Amino acid sequence: NFTDRKHFQKAFIRYNDTQDKHRNNTTWRELLPELELALTDS
């Protein structure tokens, strides 16, 4: 029953990328490479 979630997916990426950069620590992309690939494709 999938509905379009691209808006939220983009928001997820922007929020976490910005926060990760500020923290200068491990990133979600490093921890979850399969999720990163799936979101990029989506």
PDB file of all heavy atoms in Angstrom:
ATOM      1  N   ASN A   1       0.820  -1.214   0.000  1.00  0.00           N
ATOM      2  CA  ASN A   1       0.000   0.000   0.000  1.00  0.00           C
ATOM      3  C   ASN A   1       0.850   1.258   0.000  1.00  0.00           C
ATOM      4  O   ASN A   1       0.492   2.274   0.584  1.00  0.00           O
ATOM      5  CB  ASN A   1      -0.926  -0.001   1.230  1.00  0.00           C
ATOM      6  CG  ASN A   1      -1.847  -1.195   1.259  1.00  0.00           C
ATOM      7  OD1 ASN A   1      -2.355  -1.622   0.238  1.00  0.00           O
ATOM      8  ND2 ASN A   1      -2.069  -1.745   2.444  1.00  0.00           N
ATOM      9  N   PHE A   2       1.977   1.185  -0.659  1.00  0.00           N
ATOM     10  CA  PHE A   2       2.972   2.240  -0.577  1.00  0.00           C
ATOM     11  C   PHE A   2       2.478   3.557  -1.169  1.00  0.00           C
ATOM     12  O   PHE A   2       1.896   3.595  -2.242  1.00  0.00           O
ATOM     13  CB  PHE A   2       4.255   1.820  -1.302  1.00  0.00           C
ATOM     14  CG  PHE A   2       5.407   2.762  -1.078  1.00  0.00           C
ATOM     15  CD1 PHE A   2       6.143   2.697   0.089  1.00  0.00           C
ATOM     16  CD2 PHE A   2       5.738   3.719  -2.020  1.00  0.00           C
ATOM     17  CE1 PHE A   2       7.208   3.561   0.297  1.00  0.00           C
ATOM     18  CE2 PHE A   2       6.792   4.577  -1.810  1.00  0.00           C
ATOM     19  CZ  PHE A   2       7.538   4.496  -0.651  1.00  0.00           C
ATOM     20  N   THR A   3       2.699   4.628  -0.435  1.00  0.00           N
ATOM     21  CA  THR A   3       2.439   5.973  -0.932  1.00  0.00           C
ATOM     22  C   THR A   3       3.748   6.741  -1.010  1.00  0.00           C
ATOM     23  O   THR A   3       4.737   6.366  -0.372  1.00  0.00           O
ATOM     24  CB  THR A   3       1.456   6.724  -0.009  1.00  0.00           C
ATOM     25  OG1 THR A   3       1.980   6.748   1.334  1.00  0.00           O
ATOM     26  CG2 THR A   3       0.095   6.050  -0.014  1.00  0.00           C
ATOM     27  N   ASP A   4       3.759   7.808  -1.782  1.00  0.00           N
ATOM     28  CA  ASP A   4       4.978   8.576  -2.018  1.00  0.00           C
ATOM     29  C   ASP A   4       5.485   9.213  -0.717  1.00  0.00           C
ATOM     30  O   ASP A   4       4.778   9.948  -0.043  1.00  0.00           O
ATOM     31  CB  ASP A   4       4.717   9.666  -3.060  1.00  0.00           C
ATOM     32  CG  ASP A   4       6.001  10.394  -3.466  1.00  0.00           C
ATOM     33  OD1 ASP A   4       7.098   9.932  -3.105  1.00  0.00           O
ATOM     34  OD2 ASP A   4       5.895  11.421  -4.153  1.00  0.00           O
ATOM     35  N   ARG A   5       6.713   8.934  -0.359  1.00  0.00           N
ATOM     36  CA  ARG A   5       7.321   9.470   0.855  1.00  0.00           C
ATOM     37  C   ARG A   5       8.567  10.307   0.545  1.00  0.00           C
ATOM     38  O   ARG A   5       9.367  10.558   1.440  1.00  0.00           O
ATOM     39  CB  ARG A   5       7.716   8.319   1.799  1.00  0.00           C
ATOM     40  CG  ARG A   5       6.555   7.504   2.330  1.00  0.00           C
ATOM     41  CD  ARG A   5       5.778   8.301   3.370  1.00  0.00           C
ATOM     42  NE  ARG A   5       4.835   7.462   4.113  1.00  0.00           N
ATOM     43  CZ  ARG A   5       3.609   7.236   3.780  1.00  0.00           C
ATOM     44  NH1 ARG A   5       3.144   7.805   2.661  1.00  0.00           N
ATOM     45  NH2 ARG A   5       2.815   6.464   4.496  1.00  0.00           N
ATOM     46  N   LYS A   6       8.715  10.716  -0.717  1.00  0.00           N
ATOM     47  CA  LYS A   6       9.944  11.400  -1.120  1.00  0.00           C
ATOM     48  C   LYS A   6      10.187  12.680  -0.337  1.00  0.00           C
ATOM     49  O   LYS A   6      11.331  13.019  -0.023  1.00  0.00           O
ATOM     50  CB  LYS A   6       9.920  11.682  -2.628  1.00  0.00           C
ATOM     51  CG  LYS A   6      10.095  10.437  -3.481  1.00  0.00           C
ATOM     52  CD  LYS A   6      10.173  10.779  -4.962  1.00  0.00           C
ATOM     53  CE  LYS A   6      10.353   9.498  -5.793  1.00  0.00           C
ATOM     54  NZ  LYS A   6      10.433   9.795  -7.246  1.00  0.00           N
ATOM     55  N   HIS A   7       9.131  13.415  -0.026  1.00  0.00           N
ATOM     56  CA  HIS A   7       9.292  14.656   0.741  1.00  0.00           C
ATOM     57  C   HIS A   7       9.932  14.378   2.094  1.00  0.00           C
ATOM     58  O   HIS A   7      10.869  15.071   2.508  1.00  0.00           O
ATOM     59  CB  HIS A   7       7.937  15.336   0.937  1.00  0.00           C
ATOM     60  CG  HIS A   7       8.004  16.562   1.807  1.00  0.00           C
ATOM     61  ND1 HIS A   7       8.468  17.778   1.335  1.00  0.00           N
ATOM     62  CD2 HIS A   7       7.711  16.757   3.120  1.00  0.00           C
ATOM     63  CE1 HIS A   7       8.445  18.665   2.318  1.00  0.00           C
ATOM     64  NE2 HIS A   7       7.980  18.074   3.416  1.00  0.00           N
ATOM     65  N   PHE A   8       9.443  13.354   2.787  1.00  0.00           N
ATOM     66  CA  PHE A   8       9.979  13.009   4.101  1.00  0.00           C
ATOM     67  C   PHE A   8      11.384  12.414   3.992  1.00  0.00           C
ATOM     68  O   PHE A   8      12.219  12.626   4.863  1.00  0.00           O
ATOM     69  CB  PHE A   8       9.044  12.029   4.804  1.00  0.00           C
ATOM     70  CG  PHE A   8       7.639  12.530   4.952  1.00  0.00           C
ATOM     71  CD1 PHE A   8       6.606  11.922   4.267  1.00  0.00           C
ATOM     72  CD2 PHE A   8       7.354  13.620   5.750  1.00  0.00           C
ATOM     73  CE1 PHE A   8       5.310  12.378   4.388  1.00  0.00           C
ATOM     74  CE2 PHE A   8       6.057  14.091   5.874  1.00  0.00           C
ATOM     75  CZ  PHE A   8       5.033  13.473   5.190  1.00  0.00           C
ATOM     76  N   GLN A   9      11.617  11.671   2.929  1.00  0.00           N
ATOM     77  CA  GLN A   9      12.938  11.098   2.720  1.00  0.00           C
ATOM     78  C   GLN A   9      13.985  12.197   2.521  1.00  0.00           C
ATOM     79  O   GLN A   9      15.085  12.134   3.069  1.00  0.00           O
ATOM     80  CB  GLN A   9      12.911  10.141   1.526  1.00  0.00           C
ATOM     81  CG  GLN A   9      12.070   8.895   1.762  1.00  0.00           C
ATOM     82  CD  GLN A   9      11.797   8.115   0.482  1.00  0.00           C
ATOM     83  OE1 GLN A   9      12.289   8.460  -0.595  1.00  0.00           O
ATOM     84  NE2 GLN A   9      10.999   7.048   0.590  1.00  0.00           N
ATOM     85  N   LYS A  10      13.637  13.215   1.731  1.00  0.00           N
ATOM     86  CA  LYS A  10      14.543  14.344   1.524  1.00  0.00           C
ATOM     87  C   LYS A  10      14.779  15.095   2.834  1.00  0.00           C
ATOM     88  O   LYS A  10      15.893  15.540   3.108  1.00  0.00           O
ATOM     89  CB  LYS A  10      13.969  15.288   0.464  1.00  0.00           C
ATOM     90  CG  LYS A  10      13.966  14.718  -0.949  1.00  0.00           C
ATOM     91  CD  LYS A  10      13.312  15.690  -1.920  1.00  0.00           C
ATOM     92  CE  LYS A  10      13.306  15.128  -3.342  1.00  0.00           C
ATOM     93  NZ  LYS A  10      12.611  16.045  -4.289  1.00  0.00           N
ATOM     94  N   ALA A  11      13.701  15.223   3.626  1.00  0.00           N
ATOM     95  CA  ALA A  11      13.830  15.893   4.919  1.00  0.00           C
ATOM     96  C   ALA A  11      14.739  15.110   5.855  1.00  0.00           C
ATOM     97  O   ALA A  11      15.557  15.686   6.581  1.00  0.00           O
ATOM     98  CB  ALA A  11      12.451  16.079   5.549  1.00  0.00           C
ATOM     99  N   PHE A  12      14.610  13.780   5.849  1.00  0.00           N
ATOM    100  CA  PHE A  12      15.473  12.918   6.656  1.00  0.00           C
ATOM    101  C   PHE A  12      16.940  13.151   6.307  1.00  0.00           C
ATOM    102  O   PHE A  12      17.785  13.317   7.192  1.00  0.00           O
ATOM    103  CB  PHE A  12      15.093  11.447   6.423  1.00  0.00           C
ATOM    104  CG  PHE A  12      16.055  10.453   7.036  1.00  0.00           C
ATOM    105  CD1 PHE A  12      15.841   9.961   8.306  1.00  0.00           C
ATOM    106  CD2 PHE A  12      17.163  10.001   6.337  1.00  0.00           C
ATOM    107  CE1 PHE A  12      16.720   9.034   8.875  1.00  0.00           C
ATOM    108  CE2 PHE A  12      18.048   9.085   6.897  1.00  0.00           C
ATOM    109  CZ  PHE A  12      17.820   8.604   8.168  1.00  0.00           C
ATOM    110  N   ILE A  13      17.240  13.175   5.015  1.00  0.00           N
ATOM    111  CA  ILE A  13      18.617  13.340   4.555  1.00  0.00           C
ATOM    112  C   ILE A  13      19.155  14.711   4.947  1.00  0.00           C
ATOM    113  O   ILE A  13      20.265  14.831   5.475  1.00  0.00           O
ATOM    114  CB  ILE A  13      18.708  13.130   3.028  1.00  0.00           C
ATOM    115  CG1 ILE A  13      18.421  11.666   2.689  1.00  0.00           C
ATOM    116  CG2 ILE A  13      20.082  13.531   2.505  1.00  0.00           C
ATOM    117  CD1 ILE A  13      18.288  11.395   1.197  1.00  0.00           C
ATOM    118  N   ARG A  14      18.380  15.752   4.696  1.00  0.00           N
ATOM    119  CA  ARG A  14      18.860  17.096   4.981  1.00  0.00           C
ATOM    120  C   ARG A  14      19.103  17.291   6.476  1.00  0.00           C
ATOM    121  O   ARG A  14      20.139  17.844   6.878  1.00  0.00           O
ATOM    122  CB  ARG A  14      17.875  18.152   4.481  1.00  0.00           C
ATOM    123  CG  ARG A  14      18.349  19.582   4.769  1.00  0.00           C
ATOM    124  CD  ARG A  14      17.455  20.640   4.152  1.00  0.00           C
ATOM    125  NE  ARG A  14      17.992  21.981   4.414  1.00  0.00           N
ATOM    126  CZ  ARG A  14      17.428  23.115   4.017  1.00  0.00           C
ATOM    127  NH1 ARG A  14      16.296  23.068   3.310  1.00  0.00           N
ATOM    128  NH2 ARG A  14      17.981  24.291   4.305  1.00  0.00           N
ATOM    129  N   TYR A  15      18.161  16.875   7.294  1.00  0.00           N
ATOM    130  CA  TYR A  15      18.285  17.054   8.739  1.00  0.00           C
ATOM    131  C   TYR A  15      19.502  16.323   9.285  1.00  0.00           C
ATOM    132  O   TYR A  15      20.331  16.899   9.995  1.00  0.00           O
ATOM    133  CB  TYR A  15      17.022  16.573   9.437  1.00  0.00           C
ATOM    134  CG  TYR A  15      17.052  16.763  10.947  1.00  0.00           C
ATOM    135  CD1 TYR A  15      16.818  18.010  11.515  1.00  0.00           C
ATOM    136  CD2 TYR A  15      17.307  15.692  11.798  1.00  0.00           C
ATOM    137  CE1 TYR A  15      16.834  18.191  12.887  1.00  0.00           C
ATOM    138  CE2 TYR A  15      17.325  15.857  13.174  1.00  0.00           C
ATOM    139  CZ  TYR A  15      17.083  17.106  13.713  1.00  0.00           C
ATOM    140  OH  TYR A  15      17.106  17.283  15.078  1.00  0.00           O
ATOM    141  N   ASN A  16      19.623  15.046   8.950  1.00  0.00           N
ATOM    142  CA  ASN A  16      20.697  14.239   9.519  1.00  0.00           C
ATOM    143  C   ASN A  16      22.065  14.598   8.948  1.00  0.00           C
ATOM    144  O   ASN A  16      23.066  14.587   9.672  1.00  0.00           O
ATOM    145  CB  ASN A  16      20.400  12.757   9.326  1.00  0.00           C
ATOM    146  CG  ASN A  16      19.293  12.272  10.240  1.00  0.00           C
ATOM    147  OD1 ASN A  16      19.408  12.319  11.455  1.00  0.00           O
ATOM    148  ND2 ASN A  16      18.197  11.801   9.661  1.00  0.00           N
ATOM    149  N   ASP A  17      22.131  14.921   7.672  1.00  0.00           N
ATOM    150  CA  ASP A  17      23.401  15.345   7.086  1.00  0.00           C
ATOM    151  C   ASP A  17      23.915  16.615   7.763  1.00  0.00           C
ATOM    152  O   ASP A  17      25.103  16.739   8.087  1.00  0.00           O
ATOM    153  CB  ASP A  17      23.257  15.591   5.582  1.00  0.00           C
ATOM    154  CG  ASP A  17      23.332  14.320   4.755  1.00  0.00           C
ATOM    155  OD1 ASP A  17      23.684  13.264   5.332  1.00  0.00           O
ATOM    156  OD2 ASP A  17      23.046  14.381   3.540  1.00  0.00           O
ATOM    157  N   THR A  18      23.024  17.570   7.960  1.00  0.00           N
ATOM    158  CA  THR A  18      23.412  18.838   8.580  1.00  0.00           C
ATOM    159  C   THR A  18      23.824  18.637  10.030  1.00  0.00           C
ATOM    160  O   THR A  18      24.838  19.177  10.489  1.00  0.00           O
ATOM    161  CB  THR A  18      22.257  19.852   8.504  1.00  0.00           C
ATOM    162  OG1 THR A  18      21.839  20.011   7.146  1.00  0.00           O
ATOM    163  CG2 THR A  18      22.678  21.202   9.059  1.00  0.00           C
ATOM    164  N   GLN A  19      23.037  17.867  10.763  1.00  0.00           N
ATOM    165  CA  GLN A  19      23.349  17.591  12.157  1.00  0.00           C
ATOM    166  C   GLN A  19      24.643  16.796  12.295  1.00  0.00           C
ATOM    167  O   GLN A  19      25.477  17.096  13.170  1.00  0.00           O
ATOM    168  CB  GLN A  19      22.190  16.839  12.809  1.00  0.00           C
ATOM    169  CG  GLN A  19      22.222  16.830  14.330  1.00  0.00           C
ATOM    170  CD  GLN A  19      21.003  16.133  14.896  1.00  0.00           C
ATOM    171  OE1 GLN A  19      20.755  14.971  14.607  1.00  0.00           O
ATOM    172  NE2 GLN A  19      20.236  16.836  15.716  1.00  0.00           N
ATOM    173  N   ASP A  20      24.845  15.803  11.443  1.00  0.00           N
ATOM    174  CA  ASP A  20      26.063  14.994  11.486  1.00  0.00           C
ATOM    175  C   ASP A  20      27.308  15.836  11.208  1.00  0.00           C
ATOM    176  O   ASP A  20      28.352  15.657  11.844  1.00  0.00           O
ATOM    177  CB  ASP A  20      25.985  13.857  10.463  1.00  0.00           C
ATOM    178  CG  ASP A  20      24.945  12.807  10.832  1.00  0.00           C
ATOM    179  OD1 ASP A  20      24.404  12.861  11.956  1.00  0.00           O
ATOM    180  OD2 ASP A  20      24.665  11.930   9.989  1.00  0.00           O
ATOM    181  N   LYS A  21      27.185  16.751  10.270  1.00  0.00           N
ATOM    182  CA  LYS A  21      28.303  17.635   9.948  1.00  0.00           C
ATOM    183  C   LYS A  21      28.664  18.497  11.148  1.00  0.00           C
ATOM    184  O   LYS A  21      29.849  18.709  11.451  1.00  0.00           O
ATOM    185  CB  LYS A  21      27.946  18.515   8.747  1.00  0.00           C
ATOM    186  CG  LYS A  21      29.079  19.439   8.303  1.00  0.00           C
ATOM    187  CD  LYS A  21      28.651  20.276   7.108  1.00  0.00           C
ATOM    188  CE  LYS A  21      29.765  21.230   6.679  1.00  0.00           C
ATOM    189  NZ  LYS A  21      29.347  22.078   5.516  1.00  0.00           N
ATOM    190  N   HIS A  22      27.658  18.995  11.838  1.00  0.00           N
ATOM    191  CA  HIS A  22      27.890  19.824  13.022  1.00  0.00           C
ATOM    192  C   HIS A  22      28.562  19.034  14.133  1.00  0.00           C
ATOM    193  O   HIS A  22      29.467  19.530  14.810  1.00  0.00           O
ATOM    194  CB  HIS A  22      26.562  20.399  13.517  1.00  0.00           C
ATOM    195  CG  HIS A  22      26.673  21.188  14.777  1.00  0.00           C
ATOM    196  ND1 HIS A  22      27.162  22.482  14.810  1.00  0.00           N
ATOM    197  CD2 HIS A  22      26.366  20.866  16.060  1.00  0.00           C
ATOM    198  CE1 HIS A  22      27.149  22.923  16.055  1.00  0.00           C
ATOM    199  NE2 HIS A  22      26.660  21.961  16.836  1.00  0.00           N
ATOM    200  N   ARG A  23      28.126  17.785  14.319  1.00  0.00           N
ATOM    201  CA  ARG A  23      28.669  16.955  15.384  1.00  0.00           C
ATOM    202  C   ARG A  23      30.049  16.412  15.041  1.00  0.00           C
ATOM    203  O   ARG A  23      30.808  16.022  15.928  1.00  0.00           O
ATOM    204  CB  ARG A  23      27.713  15.807  15.686  1.00  0.00           C
ATOM    205  CG  ARG A  23      26.395  16.257  16.265  1.00  0.00           C
ATOM    206  CD  ARG A  23      25.422  15.122  16.496  1.00  0.00           C
ATOM    207  NE  ARG A  23      24.191  15.585  17.119  1.00  0.00           N
ATOM    208  CZ  ARG A  23      23.168  14.811  17.450  1.00  0.00           C
ATOM    209  NH1 ARG A  23      23.223  13.516  17.191  1.00  0.00           N
ATOM    210  NH2 ARG A  23      22.083  15.330  18.036  1.00  0.00           N
ATOM    211  N   ASN A  24      30.358  16.336  13.754  1.00  0.00           N
ATOM    212  CA  ASN A  24      31.654  15.848  13.306  1.00  0.00           C
ATOM    213  C   ASN A  24      31.966  14.490  13.910  1.00  0.00           C
ATOM    214  O   ASN A  24      33.047  14.234  14.431  1.00  0.00           O
ATOM    215  CB  ASN A  24      32.769  16.856  13.652  1.00  0.00           C
ATOM    216  CG  ASN A  24      34.072  16.555  12.912  1.00  0.00           C
ATOM    217  OD1 ASN A  24      34.083  15.954  11.829  1.00  0.00           O
ATOM    218  ND2 ASN A  24      35.179  16.969  13.513  1.00  0.00           N
ATOM    219  N   ASN A  25      30.988  13.620  13.845  1.00  0.00           N
ATOM    220  CA  ASN A  25      31.113  12.288  14.416  1.00  0.00           C
ATOM    221  C   ASN A  25      30.678  11.262  13.373  1.00  0.00           C
ATOM    222  O   ASN A  25      30.573  11.566  12.193  1.00  0.00           O
ATOM    223  CB  ASN A  25      30.242  12.200  15.679  1.00  0.00           C
ATOM    224  CG  ASN A  25      30.645  11.068  16.597  1.00  0.00           C
ATOM    225  OD1 ASN A  25      31.812  10.821  16.832  1.00  0.00           O
ATOM    226  ND2 ASN A  25      29.675  10.396  17.155  1.00  0.00           N
ATOM    227  N   THR A  26      30.461  10.038  13.775  1.00  0.00           N
ATOM    228  CA  THR A  26      29.949   9.023  12.862  1.00  0.00           C
ATOM    229  C   THR A  26      28.655   9.490  12.212  1.00  0.00           C
ATOM    230  O   THR A  26      27.802  10.094  12.865  1.00  0.00           O
ATOM    231  CB  THR A  26      29.696   7.709  13.619  1.00  0.00           C
ATOM    232  OG1 THR A  26      30.873   7.304  14.308  1.00  0.00           O
ATOM    233  CG2 THR A  26      29.278   6.608  12.654  1.00  0.00           C
ATOM    234  N   THR A  27      28.491   9.222  10.922  1.00  0.00           N
ATOM    235  CA  THR A  27      27.307   9.670  10.196  1.00  0.00           C
ATOM    236  C   THR A  27      26.339   8.517   9.947  1.00  0.00           C
ATOM    237  O   THR A  27      26.720   7.342   9.999  1.00  0.00           O
ATOM    238  CB  THR A  27      27.691  10.289   8.848  1.00  0.00           C
ATOM    239  OG1 THR A  27      28.158   9.257   7.959  1.00  0.00           O
ATOM    240  CG2 THR A  27      28.776  11.337   9.021  1.00  0.00           C
ATOM    241  N   TRP A  28      25.087   8.865   9.653  1.00  0.00           N
ATOM    242  CA  TRP A  28      24.096   7.839   9.334  1.00  0.00           C
ATOM    243  C   TRP A  28      24.479   7.103   8.053  1.00  0.00           C
ATOM    244  O   TRP A  28      24.189   5.899   7.927  1.00  0.00           O
ATOM    245  CB  TRP A  28      22.707   8.479   9.185  1.00  0.00           C
ATOM    246  CG  TRP A  28      22.499   9.309   7.941  1.00  0.00           C
ATOM    247  CD1 TRP A  28      22.781  10.633   7.768  1.00  0.00           C
ATOM    248  CD2 TRP A  28      21.966   8.845   6.690  1.00  0.00           C
ATOM    249  NE1 TRP A  28      22.467  11.034   6.500  1.00  0.00           N
ATOM    250  CE2 TRP A  28      21.951   9.948   5.815  1.00  0.00           C
ATOM    251  CE3 TRP A  28      21.506   7.621   6.227  1.00  0.00           C
ATOM    252  CZ2 TRP A  28      21.496   9.868   4.506  1.00  0.00           C
ATOM    253  CZ3 TRP A  28      21.046   7.537   4.906  1.00  0.00           C
ATOM    254  CH2 TRP A  28      21.047   8.640   4.065  1.00  0.00           C
ATOM    255  N   ARG A  29      25.147   7.789   7.127  1.00  0.00           N
ATOM    256  CA  ARG A  29      25.561   7.154   5.878  1.00  0.00           C
ATOM    257  C   ARG A  29      26.590   6.056   6.128  1.00  0.00           C
ATOM    258  O   ARG A  29      26.579   5.008   5.454  1.00  0.00           O
ATOM    259  CB  ARG A  29      26.122   8.198   4.917  1.00  0.00           C
ATOM    260  CG  ARG A  29      25.082   9.231   4.450  1.00  0.00           C
ATOM    261  CD  ARG A  29      25.728  10.318   3.586  1.00  0.00           C
ATOM    262  NE  ARG A  29      24.791  11.356   3.199  1.00  0.00           N
ATOM    263  CZ  ARG A  29      24.038  11.338   2.106  1.00  0.00           C
ATOM    264  NH1 ARG A  29      24.134  10.321   1.267  1.00  0.00           N
ATOM    265  NH2 ARG A  29      23.202  12.324   1.840  1.00  0.00           N
ATOM    266  N   GLU A  30      27.478   6.266   7.094  1.00  0.00           N
ATOM    267  CA  GLU A  30      28.473   5.260   7.437  1.00  0.00           C
ATOM    268  C   GLU A  30      27.844   4.057   8.134  1.00  0.00           C
ATOM    269  O   GLU A  30      28.245   2.913   7.897  1.00  0.00           O
ATOM    270  CB  GLU A  30      29.544   5.872   8.342  1.00  0.00           C
ATOM    271  CG  GLU A  30      30.402   6.939   7.658  1.00  0.00           C
ATOM    272  CD  GLU A  30      31.256   7.721   8.635  1.00  0.00           C
ATOM    273  OE1 GLU A  30      30.917   7.750   9.841  1.00  0.00           O
ATOM    274  OE2 GLU A  30      32.259   8.325   8.192  1.00  0.00           O
ATOM    275  N   LEU A  31      26.863   4.303   8.975  1.00  0.00           N
ATOM    276  CA  LEU A  31      26.230   3.247   9.750  1.00  0.00           C
ATOM    277  C   LEU A  31      25.193   2.460   8.965  1.00  0.00           C
ATOM    278  O   LEU A  31      24.978   1.272   9.232  1.00  0.00           O
ATOM    279  CB  LEU A  31      25.572   3.843  11.000  1.00  0.00           C
ATOM    280  CG  LEU A  31      26.494   4.416  12.072  1.00  0.00           C
ATOM    281  CD1 LEU A  31      25.681   5.122  13.141  1.00  0.00           C
ATOM    282  CD2 LEU A  31      27.348   3.312  12.703  1.00  0.00           C
ATOM    283  N   LEU A  32      24.547   3.121   8.013  1.00  0.00           N
ATOM    284  CA  LEU A  32      23.435   2.507   7.298  1.00  0.00           C
ATOM    285  C   LEU A  32      23.604   2.657   5.787  1.00  0.00           C
ATOM    286  O   LEU A  32      22.815   3.336   5.112  1.00  0.00           O
ATOM    287  CB  LEU A  32      22.124   3.156   7.745  1.00  0.00           C
ATOM    288  CG  LEU A  32      21.723   2.901   9.199  1.00  0.00           C
ATOM    289  CD1 LEU A  32      20.906   4.050   9.756  1.00  0.00           C
ATOM    290  CD2 LEU A  32      20.934   1.613   9.287  1.00  0.00           C
ATOM    291  N   PRO A  33      24.622   2.011   5.215  1.00  0.00           N
ATOM    292  CA  PRO A  33      24.871   2.154   3.776  1.00  0.00           C
ATOM    293  C   PRO A  33      23.725   1.648   2.910  1.00  0.00           C
ATOM    294  O   PRO A  33      23.470   2.199   1.837  1.00  0.00           O
ATOM    295  CB  PRO A  33      26.157   1.347   3.548  1.00  0.00           C
ATOM    296  CG  PRO A  33      26.245   0.407   4.726  1.00  0.00           C
ATOM    297  CD  PRO A  33      25.637   1.139   5.860  1.00  0.00           C
ATOM    298  N   GLU A  34      23.012   0.599   3.349  1.00  0.00           N
ATOM    299  CA  GLU A  34      21.893   0.076   2.572  1.00  0.00           C
ATOM    300  C   GLU A  34      20.731   1.069   2.553  1.00  0.00           C
ATOM    301  O   GLU A  34      20.062   1.233   1.536  1.00  0.00           O
ATOM    302  CB  GLU A  34      21.433  -1.267   3.131  1.00  0.00           C
ATOM    303  CG  GLU A  34      22.421  -2.406   2.877  1.00  0.00           C
ATOM    304  CD  GLU A  34      21.861  -3.752   3.279  1.00  0.00           C
ATOM    305  OE1 GLU A  34      20.791  -3.796   3.924  1.00  0.00           O
ATOM    306  OE2 GLU A  34      22.479  -4.779   2.936  1.00  0.00           O
ATOM    307  N   LEU A  35      20.501   1.745   3.670  1.00  0.00           N
ATOM    308  CA  LEU A  35      19.462   2.766   3.720  1.00  0.00           C
ATOM    309  C   LEU A  35      19.845   3.949   2.832  1.00  0.00           C
ATOM    310  O   LEU A  35      18.997   4.493   2.116  1.00  0.00           O
ATOM    311  CB  LEU A  35      19.237   3.233   5.157  1.00  0.00           C
ATOM    312  CG  LEU A  35      18.214   4.363   5.349  1.00  0.00           C
ATOM    313  CD1 LEU A  35      16.837   3.960   4.841  1.00  0.00           C
ATOM    314  CD2 LEU A  35      18.144   4.783   6.823  1.00  0.00           C
ATOM    315  N   GLU A  36      21.107   4.347   2.871  1.00  0.00           N
ATOM    316  CA  GLU A  36      21.572   5.444   2.028  1.00  0.00           C
ATOM    317  C   GLU A  36      21.326   5.120   0.555  1.00  0.00           C
ATOM    318  O   GLU A  36      20.816   5.964  -0.194  1.00  0.00           O
ATOM    319  CB  GLU A  36      23.059   5.697   2.264  1.00  0.00           C
ATOM    320  CG  GLU A  36      23.616   6.814   1.368  1.00  0.00           C
ATOM    321  CD  GLU A  36      25.126   6.930   1.423  1.00  0.00           C
ATOM    322  OE1 GLU A  36      25.792   5.966   1.859  1.00  0.00           O
ATOM    323  OE2 GLU A  36      25.654   7.979   0.997  1.00  0.00           O
ATOM    324  N   LEU A  37      21.680   3.909   0.135  1.00  0.00           N
ATOM    325  CA  LEU A  37      21.499   3.501  -1.255  1.00  0.00           C
ATOM    326  C   LEU A  37      20.020   3.513  -1.633  1.00  0.00           C
ATOM    327  O   LEU A  37      19.645   4.011  -2.703  1.00  0.00           O
ATOM    328  CB  LEU A  37      22.087   2.110  -1.473  1.00  0.00           C
ATOM    329  CG  LEU A  37      21.969   1.528  -2.897  1.00  0.00           C
ATOM    330  CD1 LEU A  37      22.708   2.415  -3.901  1.00  0.00           C
ATOM    331  CD2 LEU A  37      22.540   0.103  -2.930  1.00  0.00           C
ATOM    332  N   ALA A  38      19.174   2.989  -0.753  1.00  0.00           N
ATOM    333  CA  ALA A  38      17.744   2.926  -1.037  1.00  0.00           C
ATOM    334  C   ALA A  38      17.137   4.326  -1.141  1.00  0.00           C
ATOM    335  O   ALA A  38      16.313   4.588  -2.023  1.00  0.00           O
ATOM    336  CB  ALA A  38      17.033   2.121   0.048  1.00  0.00           C
ATOM    337  N   LEU A  39      17.535   5.225  -0.261  1.00  0.00           N
ATOM    338  CA  LEU A  39      17.017   6.590  -0.296  1.00  0.00           C
ATOM    339  C   LEU A  39      17.493   7.330  -1.541  1.00  0.00           C
ATOM    340  O   LEU A  39      16.731   8.067  -2.171  1.00  0.00           O
ATOM    341  CB  LEU A  39      17.443   7.351   0.964  1.00  0.00           C
ATOM    342  CG  LEU A  39      16.730   6.967   2.264  1.00  0.00           C
ATOM    343  CD1 LEU A  39      17.411   7.622   3.464  1.00  0.00           C
ATOM    344  CD2 LEU A  39      15.264   7.356   2.224  1.00  0.00           C
ATOM    345  N   THR A  40      18.753   7.141  -1.892  1.00  0.00           N
ATOM    346  CA  THR A  40      19.308   7.786  -3.086  1.00  0.00           C
ATOM    347  C   THR A  40      18.552   7.352  -4.334  1.00  0.00           C
ATOM    348  O   THR A  40      18.208   8.169  -5.191  1.00  0.00           O
ATOM    349  CB  THR A  40      20.801   7.465  -3.234  1.00  0.00           C
ATOM    350  OG1 THR A  40      21.510   7.897  -2.066  1.00  0.00           O
ATOM    351  CG2 THR A  40      21.383   8.172  -4.449  1.00  0.00           C
ATOM    352  N   ASP A  41      18.299   6.043  -4.444  1.00  0.00           N
ATOM    353  CA  ASP A  41      17.560   5.524  -5.585  1.00  0.00           C
ATOM    354  C   ASP A  41      16.121   6.037  -5.603  1.00  0.00           C
ATOM    355  O   ASP A  41      15.555   6.330  -6.660  1.00  0.00           O
ATOM    356  CB  ASP A  41      17.552   3.993  -5.561  1.00  0.00           C
ATOM    357  CG  ASP A  41      18.910   3.393  -5.873  1.00  0.00           C
ATOM    358  OD1 ASP A  41      19.776   4.124  -6.427  1.00  0.00           O
ATOM    359  OD2 ASP A  41      19.119   2.203  -5.564  1.00  0.00           O
ATOM    360  N   SER A  42      15.529   6.173  -4.420  1.00  0.00           N
ATOM    361  CA  SER A  42      14.126   6.558  -4.317  1.00  0.00           C
ATOM    362  C   SER A  42      13.882   7.998  -4.762  1.00  0.00           C
ATOM    363  O   SER A  42      12.909   8.279  -5.455  1.00  0.00           O
ATOM    364  CB  SER A  42      13.629   6.373  -2.884  1.00  0.00           C
ATOM    365  OG  SER A  42      12.304   6.829  -2.723  1.00  0.00           O
TER     366      SER A  42
END
